[in-house]
Amino acid sequence: MVVLMVILAIVSLVLIASILLQSGNSAGLSGSIAGGAEQLFGKKKSKGYEAILSRIATIAAVAYIVLSLVIVSLEV
């Protein structure tokens, strides 16, 4: 149980770091309103460190959710 909690702490730090290292797409509230459709359907950066950070963040988020559910199910 302690091992899973330590792994969860490490995964959460990786998730936080990978999200904070990503660059923002737009500035301010006006950019989020105007650029929402472009963010969903527009150009995506598929190369470079942005793609690597995005993939790391996705994997860390899934691992965080799975580990959290496993820890909660073992507590019951």
Protein backbone atom coordinates (compact mmCIF):
# COMPACT_ATOMS: atom_id res chain seq x y z
CA MET A 1 0.00 0.00 0.00
CA VAL A 2 2.82 2.42 0.87
CA VAL A 3 4.58 1.55 -2.37
CA LEU A 4 1.48 2.49 -4.37
CA MET A 5 1.21 5.80 -2.54
CA VAL A 6 4.86 6.61 -3.28
CA ILE A 7 4.32 5.75 -6.95
CA LEU A 8 1.21 7.96 -6.93
CA ALA A 9 3.22 10.85 -5.50
CA ILE A 10 5.90 10.44 -8.18
CA VAL A 11 3.29 10.24 -10.95
CA SER A 12 1.59 13.38 -9.63
CA LEU A 13 4.89 15.29 -9.67
CA VAL A 14 5.57 14.14 -13.24
CA LEU A 15 2.06 15.23 -14.24
CA ILE A 16 2.46 18.66 -12.65
CA ALA A 17 5.90 19.19 -14.21
CA SER A 18 4.81 18.09 -17.67
CA ILE A 19 1.80 20.42 -17.61
CA LEU A 20 3.79 23.39 -16.33
CA LEU A 21 6.53 22.94 -18.94
CA GLN A 22 4.05 23.13 -21.83
CA SER A 23 3.69 26.48 -23.51
CA GLY A 24 0.36 28.26 -23.54
CA ASN A 25 -1.67 28.47 -26.74
CA SER A 26 -3.27 31.87 -26.19
CA ALA A 27 -3.15 34.79 -23.81
CA GLY A 28 -6.01 35.80 -21.58
CA LEU A 29 -9.75 35.30 -21.66
CA SER A 30 -10.23 36.68 -25.17
CA GLY A 31 -7.84 34.11 -26.57
CA SER A 32 -9.68 31.28 -24.89
CA ILE A 33 -13.03 32.41 -26.30
CA ALA A 34 -11.82 33.20 -29.81
CA GLY A 35 -9.33 30.37 -30.09
CA GLY A 36 -11.49 27.57 -28.73
CA ALA A 37 -12.56 26.21 -32.10
CA GLU A 38 -9.06 26.53 -33.49
CA GLN A 39 -7.69 24.63 -30.53
CA LEU A 40 -10.13 21.77 -31.12
CA PHE A 41 -10.05 21.65 -34.91
CA GLY A 42 -7.02 23.69 -35.87
CA LYS A 43 -3.35 23.03 -36.26
CA LYS A 44 -1.58 20.85 -33.75
CA LYS A 45 2.13 20.66 -33.12
CA SER A 46 3.04 17.08 -33.87
CA LYS A 47 6.81 17.35 -33.55
CA GLY A 48 9.27 18.42 -30.95
CA TYR A 49 9.15 18.64 -27.21
CA GLU A 50 5.53 19.86 -27.16
CA ALA A 51 4.35 16.50 -28.48
CA ILE A 52 6.56 14.65 -26.01
CA LEU A 53 5.28 16.73 -23.08
CA SER A 54 1.71 16.23 -24.22
CA ARG A 55 2.17 12.46 -24.41
CA ILE A 56 3.87 12.38 -20.99
CA ALA A 57 1.03 14.40 -19.48
CA THR A 58 -1.57 12.06 -20.97
CA ILE A 59 0.18 8.93 -19.73
CA ALA A 60 0.74 10.43 -16.29
CA ALA A 61 -2.91 11.47 -16.02
CA VAL A 62 -4.12 7.97 -16.89
CA ALA A 63 -1.64 6.43 -14.46
CA TYR A 64 -2.76 8.86 -11.74
CA ILE A 65 -6.41 7.94 -12.19
CA VAL A 66 -5.72 4.20 -12.28
CA LEU A 67 -3.46 4.31 -9.23
CA SER A 68 -5.99 6.40 -7.31
CA LEU A 69 -8.75 3.93 -8.06
CA VAL A 70 -6.56 0.97 -7.08
CA ILE A 71 -5.60 2.60 -3.78
CA VAL A 72 -9.21 3.44 -2.96
CA SER A 73 -10.39 -0.07 -3.84
CA LEU A 74 -7.71 -1.62 -1.62
CA GLU A 75 -8.69 0.61 1.30
CA VAL A 76 -12.26 -0.75 1.31
